[in-house]
Amino acid sequence: MAEPRSIPAASTASTASSPSHAYISESWDAAIDTTLRKVVYGTMSGAVAGLILFRGGSARAAASAFGAGFGAGSAYHENQEMFDKAFGVQSEM
């Protein structure tokens, strides 16, 4: 039977800092997910509104673009708050 190897002291020090690294990584994953979801939902909402309200193709495209912009802005605001909390930044409001 093989004896278990001991872990060097240098590798135990690096694992102590990994929870914050993992938290930031999870924050980025959540930010990407939030951004994609809100942009798609905004685009779809704008497209549906454009189909209902407008006849011209350019007006429908503008409504879709407006919805995508609204979704992107909403996602940016939510992600900004999440990263401010992750890095301990105080808001100026």
PDB file of N, CA and C in Angstrom:
ATOM      1  N   MET A   1       0.828  -1.170   0.000  1.00  0.00           N
ATOM      2  CA  MET A   1       0.000   0.000   0.000  1.00  0.00           C
ATOM      3  C   MET A   1       0.880   1.244   0.000  1.00  0.00           C
ATOM      4  N   ALA A   2       0.497   2.214  -0.784  1.00  0.00           N
ATOM      5  CA  ALA A   2       1.278   3.449  -0.884  1.00  0.00           C
ATOM      6  C   ALA A   2       0.893   4.392   0.250  1.00  0.00           C
ATOM      7  N   GLU A   3       1.903   5.076   0.778  1.00  0.00           N
ATOM      8  CA  GLU A   3       1.650   6.047   1.839  1.00  0.00           C
ATOM      9  C   GLU A   3       1.122   7.338   1.220  1.00  0.00           C
ATOM     10  N   PRO A   4       0.203   8.026   1.903  1.00  0.00           N
ATOM     11  CA  PRO A   4      -0.268   9.313   1.377  1.00  0.00           C
ATOM     12  C   PRO A   4       0.850  10.342   1.426  1.00  0.00           C
ATOM     13  N   ARG A   5       0.940  11.129   0.385  1.00  0.00           N
ATOM     14  CA  ARG A   5       1.978  12.161   0.331  1.00  0.00           C
ATOM     15  C   ARG A   5       1.538  13.373   1.136  1.00  0.00           C
ATOM     16  N   SER A   6       2.497  14.027   1.729  1.00  0.00           N
ATOM     17  CA  SER A   6       2.181  15.242   2.484  1.00  0.00           C
ATOM     18  C   SER A   6       2.090  16.422   1.521  1.00  0.00           C
ATOM     19  N   ILE A   7       1.282  17.388   1.883  1.00  0.00           N
ATOM     20  CA  ILE A   7       1.079  18.577   1.058  1.00  0.00           C
ATOM     21  C   ILE A   7       2.109  19.613   1.482  1.00  0.00           C
ATOM     22  N   PRO A   8       2.863  20.166   0.531  1.00  0.00           N
ATOM     23  CA  PRO A   8       3.848  21.189   0.892  1.00  0.00           C
ATOM     24  C   PRO A   8       3.160  22.437   1.451  1.00  0.00           C
ATOM     25  N   ALA A   9       3.891  23.187   2.244  1.00  0.00           N
ATOM     26  CA  ALA A   9       3.347  24.368   2.899  1.00  0.00           C
ATOM     27  C   ALA A   9       2.954  25.441   1.892  1.00  0.00           C
ATOM     28  N   ALA A  10       3.645  25.541   0.778  1.00  0.00           N
ATOM     29  CA  ALA A  10       3.335  26.567  -0.216  1.00  0.00           C
ATOM     30  C   ALA A  10       1.960  26.333  -0.834  1.00  0.00           C
ATOM     31  N   SER A  11       1.570  25.090  -1.053  1.00  0.00           N
ATOM     32  CA  SER A  11       0.270  24.838  -1.663  1.00  0.00           C
ATOM     33  C   SER A  11      -0.869  25.060  -0.672  1.00  0.00           C
ATOM     34  N   THR A  12      -0.629  24.903   0.622  1.00  0.00           N
ATOM     35  CA  THR A  12      -1.690  25.177   1.586  1.00  0.00           C
ATOM     36  C   THR A  12      -1.942  26.672   1.695  1.00  0.00           C
ATOM     37  N   ALA A  13      -0.923  27.486   1.484  1.00  0.00           N
ATOM     38  CA  ALA A  13      -1.113  28.933   1.524  1.00  0.00           C
ATOM     39  C   ALA A  13      -1.937  29.398   0.330  1.00  0.00           C
ATOM     40  N   SER A  14      -1.761  28.752  -0.820  1.00  0.00           N
ATOM     41  CA  SER A  14      -2.523  29.171  -1.989  1.00  0.00           C
ATOM     42  C   SER A  14      -3.987  28.758  -1.882  1.00  0.00           C
ATOM     43  N   THR A  15      -4.281  27.684  -1.161  1.00  0.00           N
ATOM     44  CA  THR A  15      -5.680  27.287  -1.003  1.00  0.00           C
ATOM     45  C   THR A  15      -6.412  28.213  -0.043  1.00  0.00           C
ATOM     46  N   ALA A  16      -5.690  28.918   0.806  1.00  0.00           N
ATOM     47  CA  ALA A  16      -6.339  29.852   1.717  1.00  0.00           C
ATOM     48  C   ALA A  16      -6.905  31.047   0.952  1.00  0.00           C
ATOM     49  N   SER A  17      -6.275  31.426  -0.176  1.00  0.00           N
ATOM     50  CA  SER A  17      -6.774  32.557  -0.941  1.00  0.00           C
ATOM     51  C   SER A  17      -7.778  32.133  -2.012  1.00  0.00           C
ATOM     52  N   SER A  18      -7.981  30.855  -2.204  1.00  0.00           N
ATOM     53  CA  SER A  18      -8.876  30.408  -3.267  1.00  0.00           C
ATOM     54  C   SER A  18     -10.358  30.684  -3.018  1.00  0.00           C
ATOM     55  N   PRO A  19     -10.867  30.767  -1.780  1.00  0.00           N
ATOM     56  CA  PRO A  19     -12.285  31.096  -1.648  1.00  0.00           C
ATOM     57  C   PRO A  19     -12.639  32.455  -2.253  1.00  0.00           C
ATOM     58  N   SER A  20     -11.798  33.461  -2.093  1.00  0.00           N
ATOM     59  CA  SER A  20     -12.109  34.754  -2.697  1.00  0.00           C
ATOM     60  C   SER A  20     -12.021  34.663  -4.212  1.00  0.00           C
ATOM     61  N   HIS A  21     -11.058  33.887  -4.708  1.00  0.00           N
ATOM     62  CA  HIS A  21     -10.935  33.689  -6.145  1.00  0.00           C
ATOM     63  C   HIS A  21     -12.170  32.955  -6.669  1.00  0.00           C
ATOM     64  N   ALA A  22     -12.636  31.977  -5.940  1.00  0.00           N
ATOM     65  CA  ALA A  22     -13.831  31.239  -6.343  1.00  0.00           C
ATOM     66  C   ALA A  22     -15.062  32.139  -6.302  1.00  0.00           C
ATOM     67  N   TYR A  23     -15.129  33.024  -5.321  1.00  0.00           N
ATOM     68  CA  TYR A  23     -16.271  33.935  -5.212  1.00  0.00           C
ATOM     69  C   TYR A  23     -16.302  34.899  -6.393  1.00  0.00           C
ATOM     70  N   ILE A  24     -15.138  35.424  -6.781  1.00  0.00           N
ATOM     71  CA  ILE A  24     -15.070  36.324  -7.923  1.00  0.00           C
ATOM     72  C   ILE A  24     -15.413  35.576  -9.201  1.00  0.00           C
ATOM     73  N   SER A  25     -14.944  34.343  -9.321  1.00  0.00           N
ATOM     74  CA  SER A  25     -15.264  33.534 -10.498  1.00  0.00           C
ATOM     75  C   SER A  25     -16.768  33.273 -10.583  1.00  0.00           C
ATOM     76  N   GLU A  26     -17.387  32.963  -9.454  1.00  0.00           N
ATOM     77  CA  GLU A  26     -18.834  32.765  -9.428  1.00  0.00           C
ATOM     78  C   GLU A  26     -19.570  34.057  -9.753  1.00  0.00           C
ATOM     79  N   SER A  27     -19.009  35.189  -9.323  1.00  0.00           N
ATOM     80  CA  SER A  27     -19.625  36.476  -9.630  1.00  0.00           C
ATOM     81  C   SER A  27     -19.591  36.745 -11.131  1.00  0.00           C
ATOM     82  N   TRP A  28     -18.468  36.441 -11.779  1.00  0.00           N
ATOM     83  CA  TRP A  28     -18.376  36.612 -13.229  1.00  0.00           C
ATOM     84  C   TRP A  28     -19.355  35.698 -13.945  1.00  0.00           C
ATOM     85  N   ASP A  29     -19.475  34.465 -13.490  1.00  0.00           N
ATOM     86  CA  ASP A  29     -20.431  33.538 -14.103  1.00  0.00           C
ATOM     87  C   ASP A  29     -21.854  34.073 -13.973  1.00  0.00           C
ATOM     88  N   ALA A  30     -22.179  34.573 -12.799  1.00  0.00           N
ATOM     89  CA  ALA A  30     -23.519  35.126 -12.579  1.00  0.00           C
ATOM     90  C   ALA A  30     -23.734  36.385 -13.419  1.00  0.00           C
ATOM     91  N   ALA A  31     -22.691  37.203 -13.578  1.00  0.00           N
ATOM     92  CA  ALA A  31     -22.806  38.428 -14.370  1.00  0.00           C
ATOM     93  C   ALA A  31     -23.050  38.109 -15.842  1.00  0.00           C
ATOM     94  N   ILE A  32     -22.339  37.130 -16.368  1.00  0.00           N
ATOM     95  CA  ILE A  32     -22.532  36.744 -17.766  1.00  0.00           C
ATOM     96  C   ILE A  32     -23.927  36.173 -17.964  1.00  0.00           C
ATOM     97  N   ASP A  33     -24.350  35.334 -17.033  1.00  0.00           N
ATOM     98  CA  ASP A  33     -25.688  34.747 -17.119  1.00  0.00           C
ATOM     99  C   ASP A  33     -26.757  35.828 -17.061  1.00  0.00           C
ATOM    100  N   THR A  34     -26.630  36.754 -16.151  1.00  0.00           N
ATOM    101  CA  THR A  34     -27.597  37.832 -16.008  1.00  0.00           C
ATOM    102  C   THR A  34     -27.640  38.699 -17.265  1.00  0.00           C
ATOM    103  N   THR A  35     -26.474  39.022 -17.798  1.00  0.00           N
ATOM    104  CA  THR A  35     -26.411  39.869 -18.985  1.00  0.00           C
ATOM    105  C   THR A  35     -27.078  39.197 -20.181  1.00  0.00           C
ATOM    106  N   LEU A  36     -26.724  37.946 -20.430  1.00  0.00           N
ATOM    107  CA  LEU A  36     -27.322  37.243 -21.566  1.00  0.00           C
ATOM    108  C   LEU A  36     -28.829  37.101 -21.418  1.00  0.00           C
ATOM    109  N   ARG A  37     -29.254  36.746 -20.226  1.00  0.00           N
ATOM    110  CA  ARG A  37     -30.675  36.548 -19.985  1.00  0.00           C
ATOM    111  C   ARG A  37     -31.458  37.843 -20.179  1.00  0.00           C
ATOM    112  N   LYS A  38     -30.972  38.948 -19.602  1.00  0.00           N
ATOM    113  CA  LYS A  38     -31.710  40.203 -19.678  1.00  0.00           C
ATOM    114  C   LYS A  38     -31.688  40.800 -21.081  1.00  0.00           C
ATOM    115  N   VAL A  39     -30.578  40.655 -21.804  1.00  0.00           N
ATOM    116  CA  VAL A  39     -30.534  41.166 -23.172  1.00  0.00           C
ATOM    117  C   VAL A  39     -31.496  40.375 -24.061  1.00  0.00           C
ATOM    118  N   VAL A  40     -31.523  39.059 -23.908  1.00  0.00           N
ATOM    119  CA  VAL A  40     -32.436  38.246 -24.713  1.00  0.00           C
ATOM    120  C   VAL A  40     -33.883  38.561 -24.355  1.00  0.00           C
ATOM    121  N   TYR A  41     -34.192  38.656 -23.079  1.00  0.00           N
ATOM    122  CA  TYR A  41     -35.563  38.974 -22.670  1.00  0.00           C
ATOM    123  C   TYR A  41     -35.971  40.366 -23.170  1.00  0.00           C
ATOM    124  N   GLY A  42     -35.059  41.324 -23.080  1.00  0.00           N
ATOM    125  CA  GLY A  42     -35.362  42.667 -23.565  1.00  0.00           C
ATOM    126  C   GLY A  42     -35.574  42.697 -25.063  1.00  0.00           C
ATOM    127  N   THR A  43     -34.746  41.970 -25.805  1.00  0.00           N
ATOM    128  CA  THR A  43     -34.902  41.913 -27.253  1.00  0.00           C
ATOM    129  C   THR A  43     -36.224  41.272 -27.635  1.00  0.00           C
ATOM    130  N   MET A  44     -36.548  40.177 -26.962  1.00  0.00           N
ATOM    131  CA  MET A  44     -37.811  39.498 -27.262  1.00  0.00           C
ATOM    132  C   MET A  44     -39.009  40.382 -26.906  1.00  0.00           C
ATOM    133  N   SER A  45     -38.947  41.076 -25.804  1.00  0.00           N
ATOM    134  CA  SER A  45     -40.038  41.975 -25.420  1.00  0.00           C
ATOM    135  C   SER A  45     -40.192  43.105 -26.431  1.00  0.00           C
ATOM    136  N   GLY A  46     -39.061  43.671 -26.861  1.00  0.00           N
ATOM    137  CA  GLY A  46     -39.107  44.728 -27.872  1.00  0.00           C
ATOM    138  C   GLY A  46     -39.640  44.218 -29.196  1.00  0.00           C
ATOM    139  N   ALA A  47     -39.267  42.995 -29.557  1.00  0.00           N
ATOM    140  CA  ALA A  47     -39.757  42.425 -30.817  1.00  0.00           C
ATOM    141  C   ALA A  47     -41.267  42.195 -30.763  1.00  0.00           C
ATOM    142  N   VAL A  48     -41.754  41.688 -29.663  1.00  0.00           N
ATOM    143  CA  VAL A  48     -43.204  41.467 -29.521  1.00  0.00           C
ATOM    144  C   VAL A  48     -43.943  42.801 -29.542  1.00  0.00           C
ATOM    145  N   ALA A  49     -43.419  43.788 -28.829  1.00  0.00           N
ATOM    146  CA  ALA A  49     -44.047  45.112 -28.835  1.00  0.00           C
ATOM    147  C   ALA A  49     -44.008  45.711 -30.237  1.00  0.00           C
ATOM    148  N   GLY A  50     -42.907  45.506 -30.943  1.00  0.00           N
ATOM    149  CA  GLY A  50     -42.804  46.013 -32.302  1.00  0.00           C
ATOM    150  C   GLY A  50     -43.781  45.346 -33.245  1.00  0.00           C
ATOM    151  N   LEU A  51     -43.989  44.049 -33.076  1.00  0.00           N
ATOM    152  CA  LEU A  51     -44.960  43.345 -33.912  1.00  0.00           C
ATOM    153  C   LEU A  51     -46.380  43.828 -33.656  1.00  0.00           C
ATOM    154  N   ILE A  52     -46.666  44.140 -32.408  1.00  0.00           N
ATOM    155  CA  ILE A  52     -48.024  44.568 -32.056  1.00  0.00           C
ATOM    156  C   ILE A  52     -48.265  46.030 -32.429  1.00  0.00           C
ATOM    157  N   LEU A  53     -47.292  46.888 -32.189  1.00  0.00           N
ATOM    158  CA  LEU A  53     -47.510  48.329 -32.311  1.00  0.00           C
ATOM    159  C   LEU A  53     -47.159  48.928 -33.671  1.00  0.00           C
ATOM    160  N   PHE A  54     -46.198  48.356 -34.397  1.00  0.00           N
ATOM    161  CA  PHE A  54     -45.675  49.004 -35.599  1.00  0.00           C
ATOM    162  C   PHE A  54     -45.888  48.152 -36.840  1.00  0.00           C
ATOM    163  N   ARG A  55     -45.961  48.843 -37.980  1.00  0.00           N
ATOM    164  CA  ARG A  55     -46.133  48.148 -39.255  1.00  0.00           C
ATOM    165  C   ARG A  55     -44.812  48.037 -40.017  1.00  0.00           C
ATOM    166  N   GLY A  56     -44.000  49.035 -39.973  1.00  0.00           N
ATOM    167  CA  GLY A  56     -42.762  49.058 -40.757  1.00  0.00           C
ATOM    168  C   GLY A  56     -41.665  48.217 -40.131  1.00  0.00           C
ATOM    169  N   GLY A  57     -40.827  47.674 -40.999  1.00  0.00           N
ATOM    170  CA  GLY A  57     -39.729  46.835 -40.522  1.00  0.00           C
ATOM    171  C   GLY A  57     -38.696  47.603 -39.720  1.00  0.00           C
ATOM    172  N   SER A  58     -38.420  48.840 -40.129  1.00  0.00           N
ATOM    173  CA  SER A  58     -37.416  49.617 -39.403  1.00  0.00           C
ATOM    174  C   SER A  58     -37.919  50.013 -38.012  1.00  0.00           C
ATOM    175  N   ALA A  59     -39.200  50.282 -37.892  1.00  0.00           N
ATOM    176  CA  ALA A  59     -39.771  50.617 -36.579  1.00  0.00           C
ATOM    177  C   ALA A  59     -39.746  49.399 -35.665  1.00  0.00           C
ATOM    178  N   ARG A  60     -40.013  48.226 -36.240  1.00  0.00           N
ATOM    179  CA  ARG A  60     -39.946  46.998 -35.448  1.00  0.00           C
ATOM    180  C   ARG A  60     -38.523  46.713 -34.996  1.00  0.00           C
ATOM    181  N   ALA A  61     -37.567  46.944 -35.894  1.00  0.00           N
ATOM    182  CA  ALA A  61     -36.162  46.744 -35.535  1.00  0.00           C
ATOM    183  C   ALA A  61     -35.735  47.728 -34.450  1.00  0.00           C
ATOM    184  N   ALA A  62     -36.226  48.964 -34.540  1.00  0.00           N
ATOM    185  CA  ALA A  62     -35.899  49.966 -33.521  1.00  0.00           C
ATOM    186  C   ALA A  62     -36.479  49.568 -32.164  1.00  0.00           C
ATOM    187  N   ALA A  63     -37.697  49.023 -32.174  1.00  0.00           N
ATOM    188  CA  ALA A  63     -38.304  48.573 -30.918  1.00  0.00           C
ATOM    189  C   ALA A  63     -37.507  47.416 -30.320  1.00  0.00           C
ATOM    190  N   SER A  64     -37.028  46.512 -31.171  1.00  0.00           N
ATOM    191  CA  SER A  64     -36.193  45.398 -30.685  1.00  0.00           C
ATOM    192  C   SER A  64     -34.874  45.915 -30.127  1.00  0.00           C
ATOM    193  N   ALA A  65     -34.263  46.876 -30.815  1.00  0.00           N
ATOM    194  CA  ALA A  65     -33.003  47.454 -30.345  1.00  0.00           C
ATOM    195  C   ALA A  65     -33.199  48.194 -29.022  1.00  0.00           C
ATOM    196  N   PHE A  66     -34.315  48.894 -28.905  1.00  0.00           N
ATOM    197  CA  PHE A  66     -34.614  49.579 -27.653  1.00  0.00           C
ATOM    198  C   PHE A  66     -34.750  48.578 -26.512  1.00  0.00           C
ATOM    199  N   GLY A  67     -35.443  47.469 -26.772  1.00  0.00           N
ATOM    200  CA  GLY A  67     -35.589  46.433 -25.750  1.00  0.00           C
ATOM    201  C   GLY A  67     -34.254  45.815 -25.371  1.00  0.00           C
ATOM    202  N   ALA A  68     -33.392  45.578 -26.365  1.00  0.00           N
ATOM    203  CA  ALA A  68     -32.061  45.022 -26.082  1.00  0.00           C
ATOM    204  C   ALA A  68     -31.238  45.998 -25.250  1.00  0.00           C
ATOM    205  N   GLY A  69     -31.322  47.280 -25.573  1.00  0.00           N
ATOM    206  CA  GLY A  69     -30.606  48.296 -24.799  1.00  0.00           C
ATOM    207  C   GLY A  69     -31.118  48.403 -23.373  1.00  0.00           C
ATOM    208  N   PHE A  70     -32.414  48.311 -23.233  1.00  0.00           N
ATOM    209  CA  PHE A  70     -33.013  48.345 -21.901  1.00  0.00           C
ATOM    210  C   PHE A  70     -32.540  47.149 -21.084  1.00  0.00           C
ATOM    211  N   GLY A  71     -32.516  45.964 -21.691  1.00  0.00           N
ATOM    212  CA  GLY A  71     -32.037  44.770 -20.999  1.00  0.00           C
ATOM    213  C   GLY A  71     -30.568  44.869 -20.633  1.00  0.00           C
ATOM    214  N   ALA A  72     -29.752  45.400 -21.551  1.00  0.00           N
ATOM    215  CA  ALA A  72     -28.320  45.549 -21.278  1.00  0.00           C
ATOM    216  C   ALA A  72     -28.076  46.547 -20.145  1.00  0.00           C
ATOM    217  N   GLY A  73     -28.830  47.641 -20.144  1.00  0.00           N
ATOM    218  CA  GLY A  73     -28.680  48.626 -19.068  1.00  0.00           C
ATOM    219  C   GLY A  73     -29.099  48.075 -17.716  1.00  0.00           C
ATOM    220  N   SER A  74     -30.168  47.317 -17.728  1.00  0.00           N
ATOM    221  CA  SER A  74     -30.631  46.694 -16.493  1.00  0.00           C
ATOM    222  C   SER A  74     -29.608  45.683 -15.972  1.00  0.00           C
ATOM    223  N   ALA A  75     -29.043  44.906 -16.877  1.00  0.00           N
ATOM    224  CA  ALA A  75     -28.024  43.926 -16.488  1.00  0.00           C
ATOM    225  C   ALA A  75     -26.771  44.624 -15.972  1.00  0.00           C
ATOM    226  N   TYR A  76     -26.374  45.723 -16.616  1.00  0.00           N
ATOM    227  CA  TYR A  76     -25.196  46.473 -16.173  1.00  0.00           C
ATOM    228  C   TYR A  76     -25.388  46.979 -14.747  1.00  0.00           C
ATOM    229  N   HIS A  77     -26.549  47.526 -14.466  1.00  0.00           N
ATOM    230  CA  HIS A  77     -26.816  48.044 -13.129  1.00  0.00           C
ATOM    231  C   HIS A  77     -26.766  46.928 -12.082  1.00  0.00           C
ATOM    232  N   GLU A  78     -27.384  45.799 -12.384  1.00  0.00           N
ATOM    233  CA  GLU A  78     -27.394  44.678 -11.439  1.00  0.00           C
ATOM    234  C   GLU A  78     -25.979  44.115 -11.233  1.00  0.00           C
ATOM    235  N   ASN A  79     -25.216  43.996 -12.320  1.00  0.00           N
ATOM    236  CA  ASN A  79     -23.845  43.484 -12.210  1.00  0.00           C
ATOM    237  C   ASN A  79     -22.950  44.457 -11.464  1.00  0.00           C
ATOM    238  N   GLN A  80     -23.157  45.756 -11.665  1.00  0.00           N
ATOM    239  CA  GLN A  80     -22.361  46.757 -10.955  1.00  0.00           C
ATOM    240  C   GLN A  80     -22.572  46.633  -9.449  1.00  0.00           C
ATOM    241  N   GLU A  81     -23.822  46.460  -9.043  1.00  0.00           N
ATOM    242  CA  GLU A  81     -24.107  46.289  -7.615  1.00  0.00           C
ATOM    243  C   GLU A  81     -23.476  45.011  -7.070  1.00  0.00           C
ATOM    244  N   MET A  82     -23.518  43.943  -7.864  1.00  0.00           N
ATOM    245  CA  MET A  82     -22.965  42.668  -7.418  1.00  0.00           C
ATOM    246  C   MET A  82     -21.443  42.765  -7.250  1.00  0.00           C
ATOM    247  N   PHE A  83     -20.756  43.388  -8.204  1.00  0.00           N
ATOM    248  CA  PHE A  83     -19.306  43.501  -8.104  1.00  0.00           C
ATOM    249  C   PHE A  83     -18.897  44.516  -7.043  1.00  0.00           C
ATOM    250  N   ASP A  84     -19.682  45.562  -6.837  1.00  0.00           N
ATOM    251  CA  ASP A  84     -19.388  46.488  -5.743  1.00  0.00           C
ATOM    252  C   ASP A  84     -19.445  45.764  -4.406  1.00  0.00           C
ATOM    253  N   LYS A  85     -20.427  44.883  -4.259  1.00  0.00           N
ATOM    254  CA  LYS A  85     -20.530  44.111  -3.026  1.00  0.00           C
ATOM    255  C   LYS A  85     -19.361  43.131  -2.902  1.00  0.00           C
ATOM    256  N   ALA A  86     -18.966  42.519  -4.026  1.00  0.00           N
ATOM    257  CA  ALA A  86     -17.884  41.536  -3.999  1.00  0.00           C
ATOM    258  C   ALA A  86     -16.548  42.178  -3.632  1.00  0.00           C
ATOM    259  N   PHE A  87     -16.306  43.405  -4.108  1.00  0.00           N
ATOM    260  CA  PHE A  87     -15.039  44.068  -3.831  1.00  0.00           C
ATOM    261  C   PHE A  87     -15.109  45.034  -2.650  1.00  0.00           C
ATOM    262  N   GLY A  88     -16.263  45.148  -2.038  1.00  0.00           N
ATOM    263  CA  GLY A  88     -16.406  45.978  -0.856  1.00  0.00           C
ATOM    264  C   GLY A  88     -16.438  47.464  -1.154  1.00  0.00           C
ATOM    265  N   VAL A  89     -16.946  47.865  -2.313  1.00  0.00           N
ATOM    266  CA  VAL A  89     -17.015  49.271  -2.695  1.00  0.00           C
ATOM    267  C   VAL A  89     -18.314  49.850  -2.173  1.00  0.00           C
ATOM    268  N   GLN A  90     -18.231  51.034  -1.558  1.00  0.00           N
ATOM    269  CA  GLN A  90     -19.415  51.714  -1.055  1.00  0.00           C
ATOM    270  C   GLN A  90     -20.006  52.570  -2.159  1.00  0.00           C
ATOM    271  N   SER A  91     -21.317  52.527  -2.324  1.00  0.00           N
ATOM    272  CA  SER A  91     -21.969  53.362  -3.330  1.00  0.00           C
ATOM    273  C   SER A  91     -22.084  54.792  -2.809  1.00  0.00           C
ATOM    274  N   GLU A  92     -22.160  55.749  -3.724  1.00  0.00           N
ATOM    275  CA  GLU A  92     -22.191  57.157  -3.337  1.00  0.00           C
ATOM    276  C   GLU A  92     -23.610  57.705  -3.263  1.00  0.00           C
ATOM    277  N   MET A  93     -24.610  56.872  -3.184  1.00  0.00           N
ATOM    278  CA  MET A  93     -25.997  57.348  -3.140  1.00  0.00           C
ATOM    279  C   MET A  93     -26.395  57.743  -1.776  1.00  0.00           C
TER     280      MET A  93
END
